[in-house]
Amino acid sequence: MALSAIIGAAIGSAIDGADGDDSTLDGALGGAVAGFAIRALTPMLLTYATGWLVLHGIGKAKDAIFEGKPKPARG
């Protein structure tokens, strides 16, 4: 089992056990699933954020370079 799932299960169990309504098993399962989901989604989110920042930076650089220059006429 991955460490993130174990930590997620422990945290989920503690949070679910704090209210005292039912067993902590469903909180542990939810925490383990959340741990796996975070572990799987983190690389995708970081890749998306890096790509967005690069494209945003390219757009800002293009605007800074071509600012004030007239656009060529089409036609």
PDB file of N, CA and C in Angstrom:
ATOM      1  N   MET A   1       0.840  -1.169   0.000  1.00  0.00           N
ATOM      2  CA  MET A   1       0.000   0.000   0.000  1.00  0.00           C
ATOM      3  C   MET A   1       0.895   1.245   0.000  1.00  0.00           C
ATOM      4  N   ALA A   2       0.503   2.235  -0.731  1.00  0.00           N
ATOM      5  CA  ALA A   2       1.289   3.451  -0.823  1.00  0.00           C
ATOM      6  C   ALA A   2       1.182   4.253   0.466  1.00  0.00           C
ATOM      7  N   LEU A   3       2.241   4.977   0.756  1.00  0.00           N
ATOM      8  CA  LEU A   3       2.264   5.776   1.976  1.00  0.00           C
ATOM      9  C   LEU A   3       1.168   6.835   1.965  1.00  0.00           C
ATOM     10  N   SER A   4       0.893   7.395   0.783  1.00  0.00           N
ATOM     11  CA  SER A   4      -0.163   8.414   0.712  1.00  0.00           C
ATOM     12  C   SER A   4      -1.526   7.824   1.067  1.00  0.00           C
ATOM     13  N   ALA A   5      -1.760   6.574   0.683  1.00  0.00           N
ATOM     14  CA  ALA A   5      -3.033   5.931   1.025  1.00  0.00           C
ATOM     15  C   ALA A   5      -3.114   5.644   2.520  1.00  0.00           C
ATOM     16  N   ILE A   6      -2.002   5.252   3.113  1.00  0.00           N
ATOM     17  CA  ILE A   6      -1.992   4.966   4.551  1.00  0.00           C
ATOM     18  C   ILE A   6      -2.226   6.247   5.337  1.00  0.00           C
ATOM     19  N   ILE A   7      -1.530   7.316   4.947  1.00  0.00           N
ATOM     20  CA  ILE A   7      -1.717   8.596   5.636  1.00  0.00           C
ATOM     21  C   ILE A   7      -3.139   9.103   5.430  1.00  0.00           C
ATOM     22  N   GLY A   8      -3.652   8.985   4.203  1.00  0.00           N
ATOM     23  CA  GLY A   8      -5.021   9.411   3.927  1.00  0.00           C
ATOM     24  C   GLY A   8      -6.031   8.622   4.731  1.00  0.00           C
ATOM     25  N   ALA A   9      -5.795   7.314   4.861  1.00  0.00           N
ATOM     26  CA  ALA A   9      -6.703   6.485   5.650  1.00  0.00           C
ATOM     27  C   ALA A   9      -6.669   6.882   7.121  1.00  0.00           C
ATOM     28  N   ALA A  10      -5.479   7.169   7.632  1.00  0.00           N
ATOM     29  CA  ALA A  10      -5.368   7.560   9.044  1.00  0.00           C
ATOM     30  C   ALA A  10      -6.062   8.899   9.294  1.00  0.00           C
ATOM     31  N   ILE A  11      -5.849   9.846   8.403  1.00  0.00           N
ATOM     32  CA  ILE A  11      -6.480  11.158   8.574  1.00  0.00           C
ATOM     33  C   ILE A  11      -7.997  11.052   8.415  1.00  0.00           C
ATOM     34  N   GLY A  12      -8.449  10.318   7.395  1.00  0.00           N
ATOM     35  CA  GLY A  12      -9.883  10.147   7.188  1.00  0.00           C
ATOM     36  C   GLY A  12     -10.549   9.447   8.351  1.00  0.00           C
ATOM     37  N   SER A  13      -9.872   8.454   8.903  1.00  0.00           N
ATOM     38  CA  SER A  13     -10.410   7.736  10.059  1.00  0.00           C
ATOM     39  C   SER A  13     -10.510   8.654  11.266  1.00  0.00           C
ATOM     40  N   ALA A  14      -9.490   9.482  11.476  1.00  0.00           N
ATOM     41  CA  ALA A  14      -9.510  10.400  12.628  1.00  0.00           C
ATOM     42  C   ALA A  14     -10.608  11.445  12.480  1.00  0.00           C
ATOM     43  N   ILE A  15     -10.757  11.969  11.278  1.00  0.00           N
ATOM     44  CA  ILE A  15     -11.795  12.987  11.057  1.00  0.00           C
ATOM     45  C   ILE A  15     -13.177  12.376  11.217  1.00  0.00           C
ATOM     46  N   ASP A  16     -13.379  11.190  10.648  1.00  0.00           N
ATOM     47  CA  ASP A  16     -14.692  10.556  10.733  1.00  0.00           C
ATOM     48  C   ASP A  16     -14.986  10.076  12.148  1.00  0.00           C
ATOM     49  N   GLY A  17     -13.969   9.688  12.877  1.00  0.00           N
ATOM     50  CA  GLY A  17     -14.173   9.210  14.241  1.00  0.00           C
ATOM     51  C   GLY A  17     -14.447  10.327  15.228  1.00  0.00           C
ATOM     52  N   ALA A  18     -14.140  11.557  14.857  1.00  0.00           N
ATOM     53  CA  ALA A  18     -14.321  12.682  15.777  1.00  0.00           C
ATOM     54  C   ALA A  18     -15.792  12.947  16.069  1.00  0.00           C
ATOM     55  N   ASP A  19     -16.675  12.680  15.098  1.00  0.00           N
ATOM     56  CA  ASP A  19     -18.093  12.960  15.345  1.00  0.00           C
ATOM     57  C   ASP A  19     -18.764  11.848  16.139  1.00  0.00           C
ATOM     58  N   GLY A  20     -18.239  10.634  16.116  1.00  0.00           N
ATOM     59  CA  GLY A  20     -18.735   9.548  16.943  1.00  0.00           C
ATOM     60  C   GLY A  20     -20.031   8.920  16.489  1.00  0.00           C
ATOM     61  N   ASP A  21     -20.519   9.249  15.293  1.00  0.00           N
ATOM     62  CA  ASP A  21     -21.788   8.696  14.827  1.00  0.00           C
ATOM     63  C   ASP A  21     -21.685   7.231  14.417  1.00  0.00           C
ATOM     64  N   ASP A  22     -20.622   6.881  13.731  1.00  0.00           N
ATOM     65  CA  ASP A  22     -20.494   5.516  13.231  1.00  0.00           C
ATOM     66  C   ASP A  22     -19.033   5.087  13.307  1.00  0.00           C
ATOM     67  N   SER A  23     -18.736   3.949  12.692  1.00  0.00           N
ATOM     68  CA  SER A  23     -17.360   3.458  12.732  1.00  0.00           C
ATOM     69  C   SER A  23     -16.461   4.330  11.872  1.00  0.00           C
ATOM     70  N   THR A  24     -15.179   4.188  12.093  1.00  0.00           N
ATOM     71  CA  THR A  24     -14.212   4.996  11.352  1.00  0.00           C
ATOM     72  C   THR A  24     -13.796   4.340  10.040  1.00  0.00           C
ATOM     73  N   LEU A  25     -14.383   3.185   9.728  1.00  0.00           N
ATOM     74  CA  LEU A  25     -13.986   2.464   8.522  1.00  0.00           C
ATOM     75  C   LEU A  25     -14.316   3.248   7.259  1.00  0.00           C
ATOM     76  N   ASP A  26     -15.486   3.850   7.178  1.00  0.00           N
ATOM     77  CA  ASP A  26     -15.823   4.592   5.959  1.00  0.00           C
ATOM     78  C   ASP A  26     -14.940   5.827   5.798  1.00  0.00           C
ATOM     79  N   GLY A  27     -14.546   6.443   6.891  1.00  0.00           N
ATOM     80  CA  GLY A  27     -13.609   7.563   6.812  1.00  0.00           C
ATOM     81  C   GLY A  27     -12.238   7.119   6.350  1.00  0.00           C
ATOM     82  N   ALA A  28     -11.814   5.942   6.810  1.00  0.00           N
ATOM     83  CA  ALA A  28     -10.523   5.404   6.389  1.00  0.00           C
ATOM     84  C   ALA A  28     -10.541   5.067   4.907  1.00  0.00           C
ATOM     85  N   LEU A  29     -11.634   4.472   4.439  1.00  0.00           N
ATOM     86  CA  LEU A  29     -11.738   4.159   3.014  1.00  0.00           C
ATOM     87  C   LEU A  29     -11.754   5.429   2.171  1.00  0.00           C
ATOM     88  N   GLY A  30     -12.511   6.415   2.608  1.00  0.00           N
ATOM     89  CA  GLY A  30     -12.546   7.685   1.883  1.00  0.00           C
ATOM     90  C   GLY A  30     -11.190   8.361   1.859  1.00  0.00           C
ATOM     91  N   GLY A  31     -10.476   8.323   2.971  1.00  0.00           N
ATOM     92  CA  GLY A  31      -9.142   8.906   3.034  1.00  0.00           C
ATOM     93  C   GLY A  31      -8.156   8.185   2.138  1.00  0.00           C
ATOM     94  N   ALA A  32      -8.261   6.862   2.084  1.00  0.00           N
ATOM     95  CA  ALA A  32      -7.366   6.100   1.212  1.00  0.00           C
ATOM     96  C   ALA A  32      -7.644   6.413  -0.252  1.00  0.00           C
ATOM     97  N   VAL A  33      -8.906   6.506  -0.614  1.00  0.00           N
ATOM     98  CA  VAL A  33      -9.265   6.855  -1.996  1.00  0.00           C
ATOM     99  C   VAL A  33      -8.776   8.259  -2.324  1.00  0.00           C
ATOM    100  N   ALA A  34      -8.947   9.183  -1.387  1.00  0.00           N
ATOM    101  CA  ALA A  34      -8.467  10.547  -1.607  1.00  0.00           C
ATOM    102  C   ALA A  34      -6.949  10.567  -1.764  1.00  0.00           C
ATOM    103  N   GLY A  35      -6.245   9.769  -0.977  1.00  0.00           N
ATOM    104  CA  GLY A  35      -4.792   9.685  -1.097  1.00  0.00           C
ATOM    105  C   GLY A  35      -4.364   9.185  -2.469  1.00  0.00           C
ATOM    106  N   PHE A  36      -5.033   8.140  -2.958  1.00  0.00           N
ATOM    107  CA  PHE A  36      -4.726   7.629  -4.299  1.00  0.00           C
ATOM    108  C   PHE A  36      -5.060   8.667  -5.369  1.00  0.00           C
ATOM    109  N   ALA A  37      -6.186   9.350  -5.221  1.00  0.00           N
ATOM    110  CA  ALA A  37      -6.591  10.348  -6.220  1.00  0.00           C
ATOM    111  C   ALA A  37      -5.603  11.513  -6.264  1.00  0.00           C
ATOM    112  N   ILE A  38      -5.190  11.970  -5.104  1.00  0.00           N
ATOM    113  CA  ILE A  38      -4.220  13.071  -5.063  1.00  0.00           C
ATOM    114  C   ILE A  38      -2.908  12.638  -5.684  1.00  0.00           C
ATOM    115  N   ARG A  39      -2.497  11.425  -5.376  1.00  0.00           N
ATOM    116  CA  ARG A  39      -1.236  10.920  -5.937  1.00  0.00           C
ATOM    117  C   ARG A  39      -1.325  10.787  -7.457  1.00  0.00           C
ATOM    118  N   ALA A  40      -2.478  10.430  -7.985  1.00  0.00           N
ATOM    119  CA  ALA A  40      -2.634  10.271  -9.433  1.00  0.00           C
ATOM    120  C   ALA A  40      -2.821  11.603 -10.140  1.00  0.00           C
ATOM    121  N   LEU A  41      -3.507  12.554  -9.510  1.00  0.00           N
ATOM    122  CA  LEU A  41      -3.820  13.818 -10.168  1.00  0.00           C
ATOM    123  C   LEU A  41      -2.709  14.864 -10.069  1.00  0.00           C
ATOM    124  N   THR A  42      -1.841  14.749  -9.083  1.00  0.00           N
ATOM    125  CA  THR A  42      -0.805  15.758  -8.889  1.00  0.00           C
ATOM    126  C   THR A  42       0.091  15.932 -10.113  1.00  0.00           C
ATOM    127  N   PRO A  43       0.620  14.872 -10.729  1.00  0.00           N
ATOM    128  CA  PRO A  43       1.460  15.086 -11.919  1.00  0.00           C
ATOM    129  C   PRO A  43       0.699  15.736 -13.075  1.00  0.00           C
ATOM    130  N   MET A  44      -0.562  15.369 -13.254  1.00  0.00           N
ATOM    131  CA  MET A  44      -1.342  15.973 -14.333  1.00  0.00           C
ATOM    132  C   MET A  44      -1.586  17.454 -14.069  1.00  0.00           C
ATOM    133  N   LEU A  45      -1.913  17.792 -12.835  1.00  0.00           N
ATOM    134  CA  LEU A  45      -2.162  19.191 -12.501  1.00  0.00           C
ATOM    135  C   LEU A  45      -0.892  20.031 -12.622  1.00  0.00           C
ATOM    136  N   LEU A  46       0.240  19.488 -12.193  1.00  0.00           N
ATOM    137  CA  LEU A  46       1.497  20.220 -12.319  1.00  0.00           C
ATOM    138  C   LEU A  46       1.885  20.415 -13.778  1.00  0.00           C
ATOM    139  N   THR A  47       1.657  19.406 -14.609  1.00  0.00           N
ATOM    140  CA  THR A  47       1.953  19.531 -16.031  1.00  0.00           C
ATOM    141  C   THR A  47       1.056  20.577 -16.673  1.00  0.00           C
ATOM    142  N   TYR A  48      -0.219  20.568 -16.343  1.00  0.00           N
ATOM    143  CA  TYR A  48      -1.150  21.550 -16.891  1.00  0.00           C
ATOM    144  C   TYR A  48      -0.756  22.959 -16.462  1.00  0.00           C
ATOM    145  N   ALA A  49      -0.426  23.126 -15.172  1.00  0.00           N
ATOM    146  CA  ALA A  49      -0.059  24.449 -14.667  1.00  0.00           C
ATOM    147  C   ALA A  49       1.217  24.959 -15.323  1.00  0.00           C
ATOM    148  N   THR A  50       2.188  24.086 -15.514  1.00  0.00           N
ATOM    149  CA  THR A  50       3.431  24.489 -16.172  1.00  0.00           C
ATOM    150  C   THR A  50       3.167  24.911 -17.606  1.00  0.00           C
ATOM    151  N   GLY A  51       2.382  24.144 -18.326  1.00  0.00           N
ATOM    152  CA  GLY A  51       2.040  24.493 -19.706  1.00  0.00           C
ATOM    153  C   GLY A  51       1.294  25.807 -19.789  1.00  0.00           C
ATOM    154  N   TRP A  52       0.358  26.013 -18.873  1.00  0.00           N
ATOM    155  CA  TRP A  52      -0.395  27.270 -18.875  1.00  0.00           C
ATOM    156  C   TRP A  52       0.520  28.450 -18.613  1.00  0.00           C
ATOM    157  N   LEU A  53       1.427  28.307 -17.646  1.00  0.00           N
ATOM    158  CA  LEU A  53       2.346  29.394 -17.330  1.00  0.00           C
ATOM    159  C   LEU A  53       3.274  29.703 -18.506  1.00  0.00           C
ATOM    160  N   VAL A  54       3.738  28.676 -19.205  1.00  0.00           N
ATOM    161  CA  VAL A  54       4.599  28.890 -20.366  1.00  0.00           C
ATOM    162  C   VAL A  54       3.830  29.623 -21.455  1.00  0.00           C
ATOM    163  N   LEU A  55       2.633  29.172 -21.768  1.00  0.00           N
ATOM    164  CA  LEU A  55       1.842  29.834 -22.809  1.00  0.00           C
ATOM    165  C   LEU A  55       1.477  31.261 -22.404  1.00  0.00           C
ATOM    166  N   HIS A  56       1.159  31.466 -21.148  1.00  0.00           N
ATOM    167  CA  HIS A  56       0.832  32.808 -20.655  1.00  0.00           C
ATOM    168  C   HIS A  56       2.056  33.714 -20.762  1.00  0.00           C
ATOM    169  N   GLY A  57       3.228  33.183 -20.413  1.00  0.00           N
ATOM    170  CA  GLY A  57       4.465  33.952 -20.509  1.00  0.00           C
ATOM    171  C   GLY A  57       4.818  34.289 -21.938  1.00  0.00           C
ATOM    172  N   ILE A  58       4.592  33.346 -22.867  1.00  0.00           N
ATOM    173  CA  ILE A  58       4.849  33.607 -24.285  1.00  0.00           C
ATOM    174  C   ILE A  58       3.916  34.701 -24.786  1.00  0.00           C
ATOM    175  N   GLY A  59       2.666  34.658 -24.387  1.00  0.00           N
ATOM    176  CA  GLY A  59       1.714  35.694 -24.787  1.00  0.00           C
ATOM    177  C   GLY A  59       2.105  37.065 -24.266  1.00  0.00           C
ATOM    178  N   LYS A  60       2.531  37.121 -22.991  1.00  0.00           N
ATOM    179  CA  LYS A  60       2.966  38.395 -22.409  1.00  0.00           C
ATOM    180  C   LYS A  60       4.213  38.914 -23.120  1.00  0.00           C
ATOM    181  N   ALA A  61       5.153  38.019 -23.431  1.00  0.00           N
ATOM    182  CA  ALA A  61       6.373  38.436 -24.125  1.00  0.00           C
ATOM    183  C   ALA A  61       6.049  38.947 -25.524  1.00  0.00           C
ATOM    184  N   LYS A  62       5.155  38.264 -26.216  1.00  0.00           N
ATOM    185  CA  LYS A  62       4.750  38.707 -27.552  1.00  0.00           C
ATOM    186  C   LYS A  62       4.107  40.081 -27.489  1.00  0.00           C
ATOM    187  N   ASP A  63       3.239  40.289 -26.517  1.00  0.00           N
ATOM    188  CA  ASP A  63       2.595  41.594 -26.360  1.00  0.00           C
ATOM    189  C   ASP A  63       3.624  42.686 -26.061  1.00  0.00           C
ATOM    190  N   ALA A  64       4.615  42.362 -25.240  1.00  0.00           N
ATOM    191  CA  ALA A  64       5.638  43.349 -24.900  1.00  0.00           C
ATOM    192  C   ALA A  64       6.514  43.684 -26.104  1.00  0.00           C
ATOM    193  N   ILE A  65       6.803  42.695 -26.938  1.00  0.00           N
ATOM    194  CA  ILE A  65       7.661  42.922 -28.104  1.00  0.00           C
ATOM    195  C   ILE A  65       6.933  43.714 -29.170  1.00  0.00           C
ATOM    196  N   PHE A  66       5.691  43.349 -29.447  1.00  0.00           N
ATOM    197  CA  PHE A  66       4.954  43.956 -30.554  1.00  0.00           C
ATOM    198  C   PHE A  66       4.058  45.112 -30.125  1.00  0.00           C
ATOM    199  N   GLU A  67       4.173  45.567 -28.895  1.00  0.00           N
ATOM    200  CA  GLU A  67       3.334  46.653 -28.403  1.00  0.00           C
ATOM    201  C   GLU A  67       3.665  47.950 -29.136  1.00  0.00           C
ATOM    202  N   GLY A  68       2.643  48.600 -29.611  1.00  0.00           N
ATOM    203  CA  GLY A  68       2.830  49.897 -30.268  1.00  0.00           C
ATOM    204  C   GLY A  68       3.145  49.813 -31.750  1.00  0.00           C
ATOM    205  N   LYS A  69       3.412  48.637 -32.263  1.00  0.00           N
ATOM    206  CA  LYS A  69       3.701  48.501 -33.681  1.00  0.00           C
ATOM    207  C   LYS A  69       2.394  48.322 -34.439  1.00  0.00           C
ATOM    208  N   PRO A  70       2.228  48.994 -35.564  1.00  0.00           N
ATOM    209  CA  PRO A  70       0.965  48.849 -36.316  1.00  0.00           C
ATOM    210  C   PRO A  70       0.839  47.451 -36.898  1.00  0.00           C
ATOM    211  N   LYS A  71      -0.389  46.982 -36.929  1.00  0.00           N
ATOM    212  CA  LYS A  71      -0.657  45.673 -37.512  1.00  0.00           C
ATOM    213  C   LYS A  71      -0.644  45.806 -39.030  1.00  0.00           C
ATOM    214  N   PRO A  72      -0.108  44.820 -39.726  1.00  0.00           N
ATOM    215  CA  PRO A  72      -0.093  44.900 -41.187  1.00  0.00           C
ATOM    216  C   PRO A  72      -1.521  44.771 -41.738  1.00  0.00           C
ATOM    217  N   ALA A  73      -1.781  45.486 -42.836  1.00  0.00           N
ATOM    218  CA  ALA A  73      -3.098  45.453 -43.462  1.00  0.00           C
ATOM    219  C   ALA A  73      -3.289  44.131 -44.177  1.00  0.00           C
ATOM    220  N   ARG A  74      -4.476  43.591 -44.054  1.00  0.00           N
ATOM    221  CA  ARG A  74      -4.791  42.343 -44.756  1.00  0.00           C
ATOM    222  C   ARG A  74      -5.546  42.680 -46.030  1.00  0.00           C
ATOM    223  N   GLY A  75      -5.343  41.856 -47.012  1.00  0.00           N
ATOM    224  CA  GLY A  75      -6.175  42.031 -48.170  1.00  0.00           C
ATOM    225  C   GLY A  75      -5.469  42.066 -49.407  1.00  0.00           C
TER     226      GLY A  75
END
